[in-house]
Amino acid sequence: MTGAITPVVERSVGAGPTIVDDATRRQFLAVLAGSGLLTGCGNDPRPSGSGAQEGYPRTVRHLGGETTFESRPTRVISEGNFSEFDNLLALGIPVLARGSGKYEISDPREDLTPWQVAAGGADVPLNQGVYGVEPNLEEIIRLGGEILFVTQANFAGVDAAYRRRDEVIPTVVVPDGLEGIRTVADVFDVSDTDVERLLDEAQQAFDSFSPDRIPTSITAFYFFDDGNFNLASAQAPVNEHLLDPLGLPRLTPTGDTAFPPNKTISTELTPELEADLVIALYDGNFVGALDKLEQDPLFRALPAVREGRYRRASPEFTAAFNRTTVLSVDTAVEGFTDLLAET
């Protein structure tokens, strides 16, 4: 985590007038109404609370601040297909729409992980308008969303990006790691018993980890189709949420940022790709570029490659490496077991 989001003023959600009276939102809706984008949606497309519900009102603390819900949200949007989406699926929360970190998708399933598909993620409509550094707020309003979930990995320290969303739709920032499910569960008043069961199952997966060996050091790099690579550092969330629970050493290098700037394979930089275990992480679309890299004489000359300490991870493991949720843990444990298998 590179920084903390400055908490916003506590707000109340679900009672209708409390939300609509927000000046910025009123102005935004007025612009949309004038443009015709809200045709058929009414002046406020979000349903207002209809009578008292057990467990509500409730105030939820999250990384963006505090939000009070007058009733259980029913029109839920997941900005991405990352840990926030995993947690919603794990809890069986119906999702109105979700975005994706991939911008060119021919098949709505292609950006989903196997565990998301198994949990029903393919049934959630993909809407790229709700994702991005600057998501289409008009589209979010048109959908009639009551709440937007985003992941901490995309928002740590980015106050302005968070506030732009929260001014239009109540936005909950979900913490990295297994504990993030508690924040999502709190919004929907899911029982502690159900949450603890899911966390216990994830812990059992951690406890089952029994690799052939424990490496003394690990370097992981993301490889892209332009030939550049990006080292994950000791500041990346994976260290606390995945490597520590598995009893594995934290990543090298030990830079000040989670992901230092992209670099190109060169004689000067090859020492950075040295560790007892070197892992290439990649998106499935980049397999051709990674094949080419592995044939590069400069890369093949790396001590880790020559001595058999280099491993290519699967795209599924890469996704599990990038997040730690109750749904992804099994894939992460199985992936590390395979990477550390003696050959």
Protein backbone atom coordinates (compact mmCIF):
# COMPACT_ATOMS: atom_id res chain seq x y z
CA MET A 1 0.00 0.00 0.00
CA THR A 2 1.49 3.29 -1.11
CA GLY A 3 -0.71 5.54 0.97
CA ALA A 4 -4.05 5.88 2.69
CA ILE A 5 -7.14 7.48 1.27
CA THR A 6 -8.22 10.52 3.26
CA PRO A 7 -11.62 9.62 4.76
CA VAL A 8 -14.59 11.42 3.22
CA VAL A 9 -17.40 12.93 5.20
CA GLU A 10 -19.82 10.30 6.47
CA ARG A 11 -22.77 9.93 4.16
CA SER A 12 -26.12 8.18 4.26
CA VAL A 13 -27.30 5.89 1.47
CA GLY A 14 -30.66 4.40 0.63
CA ALA A 15 -33.09 6.94 2.07
CA GLY A 16 -33.53 8.85 -1.19
CA PRO A 17 -33.39 12.55 -0.26
CA THR A 18 -30.11 12.18 1.63
CA ILE A 19 -28.35 11.22 -1.58
CA VAL A 20 -30.15 13.47 -3.99
CA ASP A 21 -29.50 16.54 -1.84
CA ASP A 22 -25.77 16.20 -2.51
CA ALA A 23 -25.03 19.32 -4.60
CA THR A 24 -22.55 17.74 -6.94
CA ARG A 25 -24.84 14.82 -7.65
CA ARG A 26 -27.83 17.14 -8.28
CA GLN A 27 -25.80 19.12 -10.79
CA PHE A 28 -24.56 15.95 -12.47
CA LEU A 29 -28.05 14.49 -12.74
CA ALA A 30 -29.36 17.77 -14.10
CA VAL A 31 -26.80 17.67 -16.90
CA LEU A 32 -27.69 14.06 -17.69
CA ALA A 33 -31.40 14.77 -17.65
CA GLY A 34 -30.90 17.66 -20.04
CA SER A 35 -28.93 15.43 -22.39
CA GLY A 36 -31.63 12.74 -22.39
CA LEU A 37 -29.35 10.12 -20.90
CA LEU A 38 -31.75 9.49 -18.02
CA THR A 39 -34.77 8.83 -20.19
CA GLY A 40 -36.90 6.18 -18.52
CA CYS A 41 -34.89 6.36 -15.32
CA GLY A 42 -36.68 9.20 -13.53
CA ASN A 43 -34.97 12.07 -11.78
CA ASP A 44 -33.02 9.71 -9.52
CA PRO A 45 -32.46 6.25 -11.02
CA ARG A 46 -31.48 4.77 -7.67
CA PRO A 47 -34.37 3.26 -5.70
CA SER A 48 -35.03 4.94 -2.38
CA GLY A 49 -35.43 3.00 0.84
CA SER A 50 -38.84 1.41 1.31
CA GLY A 51 -39.45 0.86 4.99
CA ALA A 52 -37.20 -0.40 7.73
CA GLN A 53 -35.12 -3.53 7.12
CA GLU A 54 -33.62 -5.69 9.83
CA GLY A 55 -29.99 -4.75 10.29
CA TYR A 56 -30.47 -1.26 8.84
CA PRO A 57 -29.61 1.54 9.03
CA ARG A 58 -25.97 0.53 9.41
CA THR A 59 -22.73 2.47 9.10
CA VAL A 60 -19.84 0.79 7.32
CA ARG A 61 -16.24 1.90 7.73
CA HIS A 62 -14.04 1.32 4.69
CA LEU A 63 -10.87 2.72 3.22
CA GLY A 64 -12.75 5.68 1.75
CA GLY A 65 -14.33 6.70 5.04
CA GLU A 66 -17.78 5.86 6.45
CA THR A 67 -21.06 5.27 4.63
CA THR A 68 -24.43 4.81 6.31
CA PHE A 69 -26.90 2.53 4.52
CA GLU A 70 -30.58 3.05 5.30
CA SER A 71 -31.43 -0.22 3.54
CA ARG A 72 -29.69 -3.13 1.85
CA PRO A 73 -28.28 -2.05 -1.54
CA THR A 74 -29.71 -4.06 -4.43
CA ARG A 75 -28.23 -2.39 -7.51
CA VAL A 76 -24.55 -3.19 -7.11
CA ILE A 77 -21.74 -2.32 -9.51
CA SER A 78 -18.21 -3.77 -9.36
CA GLU A 79 -15.82 -1.36 -11.04
CA GLY A 80 -13.43 -4.14 -12.03
CA ASN A 81 -13.05 -7.90 -12.11
CA PHE A 82 -10.54 -7.92 -9.28
CA SER A 83 -10.77 -8.60 -5.54
CA GLU A 84 -13.93 -6.53 -5.12
CA PHE A 85 -15.69 -8.76 -7.69
CA ASP A 86 -14.31 -11.92 -6.07
CA ASN A 87 -15.75 -10.91 -2.70
CA LEU A 88 -19.16 -10.08 -4.12
CA LEU A 89 -19.29 -13.46 -5.88
CA ALA A 90 -18.09 -15.32 -2.78
CA LEU A 91 -20.93 -13.83 -0.75
CA GLY A 92 -23.53 -14.51 -3.43
CA ILE A 93 -24.35 -10.80 -3.89
CA PRO A 94 -26.20 -10.11 -7.18
CA VAL A 95 -24.16 -7.70 -9.30
CA LEU A 96 -25.77 -5.37 -11.82
CA ALA A 97 -22.64 -4.82 -13.92
CA ARG A 98 -18.87 -5.11 -13.70
CA GLY A 99 -15.91 -3.64 -15.53
CA SER A 100 -12.63 -5.20 -16.58
CA GLY A 101 -8.93 -4.42 -16.60
CA LYS A 102 -8.81 -5.60 -20.22
CA TYR A 103 -9.93 -3.09 -22.78
CA GLU A 104 -10.27 -5.35 -25.82
CA ILE A 105 -12.51 -8.30 -25.06
CA SER A 106 -14.18 -10.42 -27.73
CA ASP A 107 -15.68 -12.94 -25.31
CA PRO A 108 -17.15 -11.66 -21.99
CA ARG A 109 -15.60 -14.69 -20.27
CA GLU A 110 -12.05 -14.21 -21.47
CA ASP A 111 -11.04 -11.76 -18.74
CA LEU A 112 -12.55 -13.85 -15.93
CA THR A 113 -10.61 -16.26 -13.77
CA PRO A 114 -11.68 -19.90 -13.43
CA TRP A 115 -12.88 -19.26 -9.88
CA GLN A 116 -14.99 -16.30 -11.01
CA VAL A 117 -16.63 -18.39 -13.73
CA ALA A 118 -17.30 -21.19 -11.21
CA ALA A 119 -18.94 -18.66 -8.86
CA GLY A 120 -21.27 -17.33 -11.55
CA GLY A 121 -19.21 -14.35 -12.70
CA ALA A 122 -19.97 -15.00 -16.36
CA ASP A 123 -23.63 -14.22 -15.67
CA VAL A 124 -22.79 -10.64 -14.65
CA PRO A 125 -23.03 -8.20 -17.59
CA LEU A 126 -19.69 -6.71 -18.66
CA ASN A 127 -19.82 -2.92 -19.05
CA GLN A 128 -16.48 -1.30 -19.77
CA GLY A 129 -17.96 2.12 -19.09
CA VAL A 130 -17.75 1.52 -15.34
CA TYR A 131 -13.98 0.82 -15.29
CA GLY A 132 -10.92 2.97 -15.73
CA VAL A 133 -8.86 5.78 -14.30
CA GLU A 134 -11.77 7.99 -15.35
CA PRO A 135 -14.84 5.72 -15.57
CA ASN A 136 -17.91 6.88 -17.46
CA LEU A 137 -19.95 8.31 -14.60
CA GLU A 138 -22.84 8.97 -16.94
CA GLU A 139 -22.99 5.24 -17.66
CA ILE A 140 -22.91 4.40 -13.96
CA ILE A 141 -25.85 6.73 -13.36
CA ARG A 142 -27.72 5.35 -16.38
CA LEU A 143 -27.41 1.85 -14.91
CA GLY A 144 -29.11 3.08 -11.76
CA GLY A 145 -26.40 1.81 -9.44
CA GLU A 146 -26.84 2.28 -5.70
CA ILE A 147 -23.28 1.41 -4.74
CA LEU A 148 -19.93 1.06 -6.49
CA PHE A 149 -17.22 -1.29 -5.19
CA VAL A 150 -13.58 -0.66 -6.05
CA THR A 151 -10.40 -2.39 -4.93
CA GLN A 152 -7.72 -0.87 -2.73
CA ALA A 153 -5.02 -1.91 -5.20
CA ASN A 154 -6.30 0.73 -7.64
CA PHE A 155 -7.00 3.49 -5.13
CA ALA A 156 -4.37 3.53 -2.40
CA GLY A 157 -3.50 7.18 -1.92
CA VAL A 158 -5.53 8.42 -4.92
CA ASP A 159 -7.94 10.71 -3.07
CA ALA A 160 -9.19 12.68 -6.07
CA ALA A 161 -10.07 9.59 -8.15
CA TYR A 162 -12.06 8.18 -5.24
CA ARG A 163 -13.90 11.42 -4.51
CA ARG A 164 -14.97 11.87 -8.13
CA ARG A 165 -16.77 8.54 -7.95
CA ASP A 166 -18.17 9.03 -4.46
CA GLU A 167 -19.69 12.39 -5.37
CA VAL A 168 -21.87 10.61 -7.94
CA ILE A 169 -22.42 7.16 -6.45
CA PRO A 170 -21.57 5.94 -2.93
CA THR A 171 -18.25 4.18 -3.40
CA VAL A 172 -16.78 1.56 -1.08
CA VAL A 173 -13.06 0.80 -1.26
CA VAL A 174 -12.42 -2.86 -0.45
CA PRO A 175 -9.12 -3.61 1.38
CA ASP A 176 -6.56 -5.93 -0.16
CA GLY A 177 -6.24 -9.44 1.22
CA LEU A 178 -8.63 -11.95 2.74
CA GLU A 179 -10.01 -9.44 5.23
CA GLY A 180 -11.51 -7.42 2.39
CA ILE A 181 -14.50 -9.74 2.43
CA ARG A 182 -15.49 -8.36 5.85
CA THR A 183 -16.03 -4.89 4.37
CA VAL A 184 -18.27 -6.22 1.61
CA ALA A 185 -20.14 -8.47 4.04
CA ASP A 186 -20.73 -5.54 6.39
CA VAL A 187 -22.52 -3.55 3.68
CA PHE A 188 -25.00 -6.39 3.12
CA ASP A 189 -25.31 -7.50 6.75
CA VAL A 190 -23.97 -10.98 5.97
CA SER A 191 -23.66 -13.04 9.13
CA ASP A 192 -20.29 -13.34 10.84
CA THR A 193 -20.77 -17.11 10.77
CA ASP A 194 -20.85 -17.19 6.97
CA VAL A 195 -17.85 -14.90 6.68
CA GLU A 196 -15.80 -16.90 9.17
CA ARG A 197 -16.62 -20.12 7.32
CA LEU A 198 -15.20 -18.68 4.10
CA LEU A 199 -12.12 -17.36 5.88
CA ASP A 200 -11.58 -20.71 7.62
CA GLU A 201 -11.69 -22.48 4.27
CA ALA A 202 -9.09 -20.07 2.89
CA GLN A 203 -6.89 -20.63 5.93
CA GLN A 204 -7.14 -24.38 5.40
CA ALA A 205 -5.80 -23.86 1.89
CA PHE A 206 -2.85 -21.91 3.31
CA ASP A 207 -2.25 -24.62 5.90
CA SER A 208 -2.24 -27.32 3.20
CA PHE A 209 0.75 -25.72 1.45
CA SER A 210 3.57 -28.27 1.47
CA PRO A 211 6.08 -27.50 -1.29
CA ASP A 212 9.07 -29.64 -2.16
CA ARG A 213 11.32 -26.78 -1.11
CA ILE A 214 11.22 -23.25 0.28
CA PRO A 215 13.28 -20.81 -1.80
CA THR A 216 15.67 -18.43 -0.09
CA SER A 217 14.59 -15.53 -2.31
CA ILE A 218 11.94 -14.81 -4.93
CA THR A 219 11.85 -12.37 -7.83
CA ALA A 220 8.64 -12.00 -9.82
CA PHE A 221 8.30 -9.96 -12.97
CA TYR A 222 5.38 -9.12 -15.22
CA PHE A 223 6.20 -9.50 -18.89
CA PHE A 224 4.40 -7.53 -21.58
CA ASP A 225 4.03 -7.94 -25.32
CA ASP A 226 6.18 -4.86 -26.00
CA GLY A 227 9.22 -6.64 -24.56
CA ASN A 228 9.28 -4.69 -21.30
CA PHE A 229 9.05 -6.18 -17.84
CA ASN A 230 7.90 -4.85 -14.50
CA LEU A 231 9.32 -6.12 -11.22
CA ALA A 232 6.98 -6.67 -8.28
CA SER A 233 8.74 -5.41 -5.16
CA ALA A 234 8.71 -6.05 -1.43
CA GLN A 235 6.11 -3.26 -1.18
CA ALA A 236 3.53 -5.12 -3.29
CA PRO A 237 0.40 -6.36 -1.44
CA VAL A 238 1.19 -9.97 -2.39
CA ASN A 239 3.94 -10.02 0.24
CA GLU A 240 1.65 -9.46 3.21
CA HIS A 241 -1.41 -11.26 1.91
CA LEU A 242 0.05 -14.30 0.16
CA LEU A 243 3.77 -14.85 0.67
CA ASP A 244 3.77 -14.25 4.43
CA PRO A 245 0.88 -16.66 5.14
CA LEU A 246 2.58 -19.31 2.98
CA GLY A 247 5.86 -18.90 4.84
CA LEU A 248 7.68 -17.76 1.69
CA PRO A 249 10.28 -14.97 1.54
CA ARG A 250 9.16 -11.52 0.49
CA LEU A 251 9.95 -10.38 -3.03
CA THR A 252 13.12 -8.71 -4.15
CA PRO A 253 13.86 -5.92 -4.97
CA THR A 254 13.06 -3.90 -1.86
CA GLY A 255 12.12 -0.67 -3.64
CA ASP A 256 9.97 2.13 -2.26
CA THR A 257 7.07 1.40 -4.62
CA ALA A 258 5.03 -1.73 -5.23
CA PHE A 259 5.78 -1.72 -8.94
CA PRO A 260 8.89 0.17 -10.13
CA PRO A 261 8.87 1.57 -13.69
CA ASN A 262 8.92 -0.84 -16.63
CA LYS A 263 12.31 -1.93 -17.91
CA THR A 264 13.75 -3.75 -20.90
CA ILE A 265 15.92 -6.85 -20.73
CA SER A 266 19.55 -5.74 -21.03
CA THR A 267 23.00 -6.66 -19.79
CA GLU A 268 22.82 -3.96 -17.11
CA LEU A 269 19.43 -5.07 -15.82
CA THR A 270 19.81 -8.83 -15.83
CA PRO A 271 21.14 -8.88 -12.23
CA GLU A 272 17.69 -7.71 -11.13
CA LEU A 273 16.26 -10.97 -12.44
CA GLU A 274 18.31 -13.05 -10.04
CA ALA A 275 16.94 -15.01 -7.08
CA ASP A 276 16.57 -18.54 -5.84
CA LEU A 277 13.21 -18.54 -7.67
CA VAL A 278 12.49 -16.24 -10.63
CA ILE A 279 8.86 -16.19 -11.80
CA ALA A 280 7.52 -14.77 -15.05
CA LEU A 281 3.96 -13.53 -14.62
CA TYR A 282 1.95 -12.78 -17.74
CA ASP A 283 -1.44 -12.30 -19.28
CA GLY A 284 -2.50 -15.17 -21.52
CA ASN A 285 -2.53 -12.81 -24.51
CA PHE A 286 1.22 -12.31 -24.17
CA VAL A 287 2.27 -15.95 -24.50
CA GLY A 288 3.88 -15.38 -27.92
CA ALA A 289 6.00 -12.53 -26.61
CA LEU A 290 7.09 -14.62 -23.63
CA ASP A 291 8.01 -17.51 -25.93
CA LYS A 292 10.22 -15.09 -27.83
CA LEU A 293 11.82 -13.79 -24.63
CA GLU A 294 12.71 -17.29 -23.49
CA GLN A 295 14.64 -17.79 -26.74
CA ASP A 296 16.57 -14.54 -26.34
CA PRO A 297 20.28 -15.35 -25.74
CA LEU A 298 20.52 -12.57 -23.17
CA PHE A 299 17.64 -14.03 -21.19
CA ARG A 300 18.87 -17.61 -21.57
CA ALA A 301 22.23 -16.50 -20.17
CA LEU A 302 20.66 -15.47 -16.85
CA PRO A 303 22.03 -17.66 -14.04
CA ALA A 304 18.50 -18.41 -12.83
CA VAL A 305 17.54 -19.64 -16.30
CA ARG A 306 20.74 -21.63 -16.87
CA GLU A 307 20.49 -23.29 -13.46
CA GLY A 308 16.80 -24.15 -13.63
CA ARG A 309 15.59 -21.58 -11.08
CA TYR A 310 13.34 -19.79 -13.57
CA ARG A 311 9.65 -20.67 -13.85
CA ARG A 312 6.88 -19.44 -16.13
CA ALA A 313 3.64 -19.04 -14.19
CA SER A 314 0.24 -19.69 -15.75
CA PRO A 315 -2.18 -16.78 -16.43
CA GLU A 316 -4.45 -18.26 -13.74
CA PHE A 317 -1.65 -18.18 -11.18
CA THR A 318 -0.78 -14.63 -12.26
CA ALA A 319 -4.35 -13.55 -11.47
CA ALA A 320 -4.17 -15.28 -8.08
CA PHE A 321 -0.78 -13.68 -7.42
CA ASN A 322 -2.29 -10.24 -8.06
CA ARG A 323 -5.00 -10.63 -5.41
CA THR A 324 -5.69 -12.71 -2.34
CA THR A 325 -9.35 -13.54 -1.80
CA VAL A 326 -11.28 -16.49 -0.43
CA LEU A 327 -11.88 -17.55 -4.04
CA SER A 328 -8.31 -17.20 -5.33
CA VAL A 329 -6.34 -18.86 -2.51
CA ASP A 330 -6.65 -22.43 -3.82
CA THR A 331 -5.22 -21.43 -7.21
CA ALA A 332 -2.37 -19.52 -5.56
CA VAL A 333 -1.45 -22.43 -3.30
CA GLU A 334 -1.61 -24.96 -6.13
CA GLY A 335 0.43 -22.63 -8.36
CA PHE A 336 3.22 -22.12 -5.84
CA THR A 337 3.28 -25.87 -5.16
CA ASP A 338 3.83 -26.50 -8.88
CA LEU A 339 6.44 -23.74 -9.20
CA LEU A 340 8.43 -25.18 -6.31
CA ALA A 341 8.15 -28.82 -7.38
CA GLU A 342 11.55 -30.50 -7.72
CA THR A 343 12.30 -31.48 -11.31
